Protein backbone atom coordinates (compact mmCIF):
# COMPACT_ATOMS: atom_id res chain seq x y z
CA MET A 1 -41.25 27.75 27.52
CA ASN A 2 -39.26 24.51 27.14
CA LYS A 3 -35.58 23.99 27.86
CA LYS A 4 -34.64 23.90 24.17
CA PHE A 5 -36.15 27.31 23.47
CA ARG A 6 -34.59 28.82 26.61
CA PHE A 7 -31.18 27.50 25.52
CA LEU A 8 -31.54 29.00 22.02
CA THR A 9 -32.64 32.32 23.51
CA PHE A 10 -29.58 32.32 25.77
CA LEU A 11 -27.26 31.68 22.80
CA LEU A 12 -28.89 34.50 20.85
CA ALA A 13 -28.51 36.96 23.74
CA ALA A 14 -24.90 35.90 24.38
CA GLY A 15 -24.01 36.29 20.70
CA THR A 16 -25.57 39.75 20.61
CA LEU A 17 -23.70 40.92 23.72
CA LEU A 18 -20.38 39.56 22.45
CA SER A 19 -20.84 41.28 19.09
CA VAL A 20 -21.57 44.64 20.72
CA LEU A 21 -18.59 44.38 23.11
CA VAL A 22 -16.16 43.52 20.32
CA ILE A 23 -17.36 46.08 17.83
CA THR A 24 -17.81 49.00 20.23
CA ASN A 25 -14.15 48.61 21.21
CA SER A 26 -13.12 49.29 17.64
CA SER A 27 -12.96 52.67 15.96
CA MET A 28 -16.25 54.57 15.74
CA ALA A 29 -15.14 56.50 12.64
CA GLN A 30 -17.59 56.46 9.76
CA THR A 31 -15.76 53.86 7.70
CA PRO A 32 -17.44 51.52 5.20
CA ARG A 33 -19.03 48.55 6.95
CA LEU A 34 -18.00 45.15 5.61
CA GLY A 35 -20.50 42.93 7.38
CA GLN A 36 -23.39 42.49 9.80
CA VAL A 37 -24.27 40.24 12.71
CA PHE A 38 -28.07 39.96 12.78
CA MET A 39 -30.68 38.79 15.29
CA ARG A 40 -34.19 38.09 13.96
CA GLY A 41 -37.57 37.20 15.45
CA HIS A 42 -40.39 35.98 13.22
CA TYR A 43 -43.92 34.65 12.79
CA ALA A 44 -44.11 31.46 10.71
CA HIS A 45 -46.89 29.64 8.84
CA SER A 46 -46.58 26.08 7.48
CA ASN A 47 -48.14 24.85 4.22
CA VAL A 48 -49.69 21.79 5.91
CA SER A 49 -50.25 20.47 9.41
CA ARG A 50 -48.65 17.37 10.95
CA GLY A 51 -51.95 16.27 12.50
CA GLY A 52 -51.91 12.85 10.81
CA ASP A 53 -48.44 11.73 11.95
CA LEU A 54 -47.87 9.13 14.65
CA PHE A 55 -45.00 11.02 16.30
CA THR A 56 -47.10 14.17 16.67
CA GLY A 57 -49.77 12.25 18.62
CA SER A 58 -52.02 10.88 15.87
CA VAL A 59 -53.38 7.31 16.17
CA PRO A 60 -56.47 7.23 13.88
CA ALA A 61 -57.41 3.67 14.93
CA PHE A 62 -57.94 4.92 18.46
CA GLY A 63 -59.55 8.23 17.47
CA THR A 64 -56.68 10.57 18.38
CA GLU A 65 -55.40 13.44 16.25
CA GLY A 66 -51.93 14.96 16.41
CA VAL A 67 -50.74 18.55 16.29
CA ASN A 68 -52.53 20.39 13.50
CA ASP A 69 -51.61 24.02 14.24
CA ARG A 70 -49.86 25.53 11.21
CA ASP A 71 -48.91 28.80 12.92
CA GLY A 72 -45.65 29.26 14.80
CA TYR A 73 -42.82 31.55 15.78
CA GLY A 74 -39.05 31.49 15.88
CA ILE A 75 -35.67 33.19 16.13
CA ALA A 76 -32.61 33.39 13.89
CA ASN A 77 -29.02 34.51 14.16
CA GLY A 78 -26.38 34.90 11.47
CA VAL A 79 -23.74 36.92 9.65
CA ASN A 80 -23.73 38.93 6.42
CA ILE A 81 -20.39 39.51 4.69
CA LEU A 82 -19.79 42.02 1.88
CA VAL A 83 -18.55 40.13 -1.21
CA THR A 84 -18.39 42.95 -3.77
CA PRO A 85 -18.97 46.67 -3.05
CA LYS A 86 -20.52 47.06 -6.52
CA ASP A 87 -21.94 44.33 -8.71
CA PRO A 88 -20.88 44.47 -12.39
CA PHE A 89 -24.44 44.94 -13.68
CA PHE A 90 -26.22 47.69 -11.76
CA GLY A 91 -23.64 48.98 -9.27
CA HIS A 92 -25.31 47.65 -6.11
CA GLN A 93 -23.78 45.36 -3.46
CA ILE A 94 -23.50 41.58 -3.30
CA TRP A 95 -23.38 40.04 0.18
CA GLY A 96 -23.13 36.50 1.46
CA GLU A 97 -25.36 35.35 4.32
CA VAL A 98 -24.84 32.43 6.71
CA GLY A 99 -27.57 31.81 9.29
CA LEU A 100 -29.16 29.55 11.88
CA GLU A 101 -32.95 29.56 12.24
CA TYR A 102 -35.29 27.87 14.71
CA SER A 103 -39.08 27.71 14.20
CA ARG A 104 -41.74 26.10 16.40
CA PHE A 105 -45.29 25.19 15.32
CA GLY A 106 -48.29 24.05 17.36
CA ASP A 107 -47.03 25.42 20.67
CA ASN A 108 -50.56 25.70 22.10
CA ASP A 109 -51.84 22.34 20.83
CA ARG A 110 -52.26 19.45 23.23
CA ALA A 111 -52.47 15.91 21.89
CA GLU A 112 -52.85 12.55 23.58
CA ASN A 113 -49.42 10.98 23.79
CA LEU A 114 -48.51 7.47 22.65
CA PRO A 115 -47.98 5.89 26.12
CA SER A 116 -51.45 6.98 27.16
CA VAL A 117 -52.98 5.56 23.96
CA LEU A 118 -51.25 2.19 24.43
CA GLU A 119 -52.35 2.00 28.04
CA LYS A 120 -55.99 2.61 27.15
CA ALA A 121 -55.98 0.26 24.13
CA PHE A 122 -54.03 -2.70 25.47
CA GLY A 123 -53.80 -2.17 29.20
CA LEU A 124 -50.03 -1.72 28.96
CA PRO A 125 -48.40 -0.06 31.96
CA ARG A 126 -46.86 3.34 31.44
CA LYS A 127 -43.77 2.38 33.39
CA GLY A 128 -40.97 1.76 30.91
CA LEU A 129 -42.77 3.67 28.18
CA SER A 130 -42.33 7.14 29.61
CA ASN A 131 -41.06 8.54 32.88
CA LYS A 132 -43.41 11.48 32.53
CA SER A 133 -46.70 10.49 30.98
CA SER A 134 -50.17 11.95 31.13
CA ASP A 135 -53.39 11.67 29.17
CA GLU A 136 -52.36 14.79 27.30
CA SER A 137 -48.97 16.28 26.64
CA GLU A 138 -47.87 19.39 24.79
CA ILE A 139 -46.41 18.43 21.44
CA ALA A 140 -44.83 20.89 19.02
CA VAL A 141 -43.26 20.56 15.58
CA THR A 142 -39.86 22.27 15.44
CA ILE A 143 -37.57 22.96 12.48
CA PHE A 144 -33.92 23.98 12.81
CA ASN A 145 -32.26 25.28 9.62
CA VAL A 146 -28.68 26.03 8.62
CA TYR A 147 -28.36 27.97 5.37
CA ILE A 148 -25.81 29.83 3.23
CA GLY A 149 -26.24 31.90 0.09
CA PRO A 150 -25.84 35.25 -1.72
CA LYS A 151 -27.87 38.43 -1.18
CA TRP A 152 -28.25 41.36 -3.57
CA ARG A 153 -28.45 44.59 -1.52
CA PHE A 154 -29.50 47.82 -3.21
CA SER A 155 -27.53 50.97 -2.41
CA PHE A 156 -28.80 54.38 -3.55
CA GLY A 157 -25.72 56.45 -2.70
CA GLU A 158 -23.65 57.91 0.12
CA ALA A 159 -25.72 58.51 3.25
CA SER A 160 -25.73 61.82 5.13
CA ASP A 161 -25.78 62.32 8.91
CA LYS A 162 -29.55 62.89 8.85
CA ALA A 163 -31.75 60.31 10.54
CA LEU A 164 -34.24 60.34 7.65
CA ASP A 165 -32.21 59.78 4.51
CA ILE A 166 -33.31 57.52 1.64
CA ASN A 167 -29.69 56.49 1.14
CA ARG A 168 -29.78 54.76 4.54
CA LEU A 169 -32.49 52.40 3.24
CA HIS A 170 -31.23 49.18 1.62
CA PRO A 171 -33.82 46.84 0.04
CA TYR A 172 -32.49 43.36 -0.79
CA ILE A 173 -33.32 39.96 -2.21
CA GLY A 174 -31.54 36.69 -1.51
CA THR A 175 -31.48 32.94 -2.03
CA ALA A 176 -29.68 30.14 -0.19
CA MET A 177 -29.13 26.41 0.13
CA MET A 178 -30.73 25.10 3.32
CA PHE A 179 -30.33 22.05 5.56
CA GLY A 180 -33.19 21.33 7.98
CA VAL A 181 -33.63 19.15 11.06
CA ILE A 182 -37.33 18.43 11.71
CA SER A 183 -38.69 17.20 15.03
CA PRO A 184 -40.64 14.99 15.64
CA PRO A 185 -39.57 12.83 12.67
CA SER A 186 -42.02 11.77 9.98
CA ASP A 187 -43.77 8.39 9.93
CA ASP A 188 -40.85 7.28 7.71
CA VAL A 189 -38.62 8.07 10.73
CA THR A 190 -36.80 10.68 8.62
CA TYR A 191 -35.90 13.98 10.23
CA ILE A 192 -33.28 15.63 7.95
CA ASP A 193 -34.12 17.40 4.69
CA ILE A 194 -32.47 19.81 2.26
CA GLY A 195 -34.05 22.69 0.44
CA ALA A 196 -33.86 26.26 -0.77
CA LEU A 197 -34.57 29.56 0.93
CA VAL A 198 -35.63 32.78 -0.84
CA TRP A 199 -36.25 36.12 0.82
CA ALA A 200 -36.84 39.83 0.28
CA GLY A 201 -36.75 42.74 2.70
CA PHE A 202 -34.93 45.89 3.72
CA ASP A 203 -32.59 47.22 6.36
CA TYR A 204 -32.17 50.81 7.55
CA VAL A 205 -28.80 52.00 8.85
CA LEU A 206 -29.22 54.09 12.00
CA PRO A 207 -27.10 57.30 12.17
CA TYR A 208 -25.62 56.59 15.60
CA LEU A 209 -22.15 55.52 16.77
CA GLY A 210 -20.73 55.68 13.29
CA ASN A 211 -23.51 53.70 11.59
CA LEU A 212 -22.97 50.82 13.99
CA PHE A 213 -26.58 49.52 14.06
CA SER A 214 -29.34 48.74 11.56
CA ILE A 215 -32.96 47.62 11.83
CA GLY A 216 -35.18 46.00 9.23
CA ALA A 217 -37.84 43.49 8.21
CA ASP A 218 -38.17 40.73 5.63
CA TYR A 219 -40.23 37.80 4.37
CA ARG A 220 -38.65 34.38 3.80
CA HIS A 221 -40.03 31.24 2.20
CA HIS A 222 -38.54 27.81 2.88
CA PHE A 223 -38.81 25.09 0.22
CA PHE A 224 -37.85 21.54 1.26
CA GLY A 225 -37.17 18.48 -0.90
CA ASN A 226 -39.81 16.31 0.85
CA ALA A 227 -37.23 13.73 1.90
CA THR A 228 -39.27 13.22 5.07
CA GLY A 229 -42.42 12.34 3.12
CA ASN A 230 -44.15 15.53 4.34
CA ASP A 231 -44.68 18.88 2.65
CA ILE A 232 -43.06 20.98 5.38
CA ASP A 233 -42.55 24.17 3.35
CA TYR A 234 -43.29 27.31 5.34
CA GLY A 235 -43.04 31.09 5.20
CA SER A 236 -41.88 33.50 7.87
CA ALA A 237 -42.19 37.26 8.31
CA GLY A 238 -39.90 38.90 10.83
CA VAL A 239 -38.04 41.92 12.10
CA PHE A 240 -34.34 42.06 12.88
CA PHE A 241 -31.56 44.07 14.48
CA THR A 242 -27.98 44.11 13.19
CA VAL A 243 -24.58 45.12 14.51
CA ASN A 244 -22.49 46.40 11.60
CA PHE A 245 -18.74 45.88 11.38
């Protein structure tokens, strides 16, 4: 596990703890919840690999191939805010979601790094090219997204105190504008792209501590504008935990 992933995991855990401490100090009465802080873990799958890119370890002239694993994993953290208790069309809820999402692909791939290739091809010394260089190094493609958009959340009625109550189940659909930072950059040396995010899923409000917590699952698909020159669209399926406030 690299330093970047450990740092993101620490931020996620710290945000969760802070949310619980703040909210549990408030009233536990069964009042309507106006928002959610969510923590999500997911499996991701990219449309294409980055195996032909120089920055992922590919140098075709020297017979090396870069990272080509399209499967990955990631975490996300964000906030949902209730915009309207009832939409004017069907009487359900409209929420707004703001989130941060990190996904990593090719974690188990190992590709020959550029300093090693240059040394073998031209006899160039590694010193000055890389402080830590080996014939093979672990290379991963990572994508960090920031997004914001509306979510339509279905509500079937007032929930009872029973643990199994259909009114505690809330299916939803959503769409958002997305800004992505992709690493390593493309061969065009471009690493920022914009796109759209669409998703569908459900959350289930747990009947404990005044409906303080929810659990759920969803599928999300990320469409980018190909500003990097690569088709980096990907889908993710995950589960999440929310603190309701």
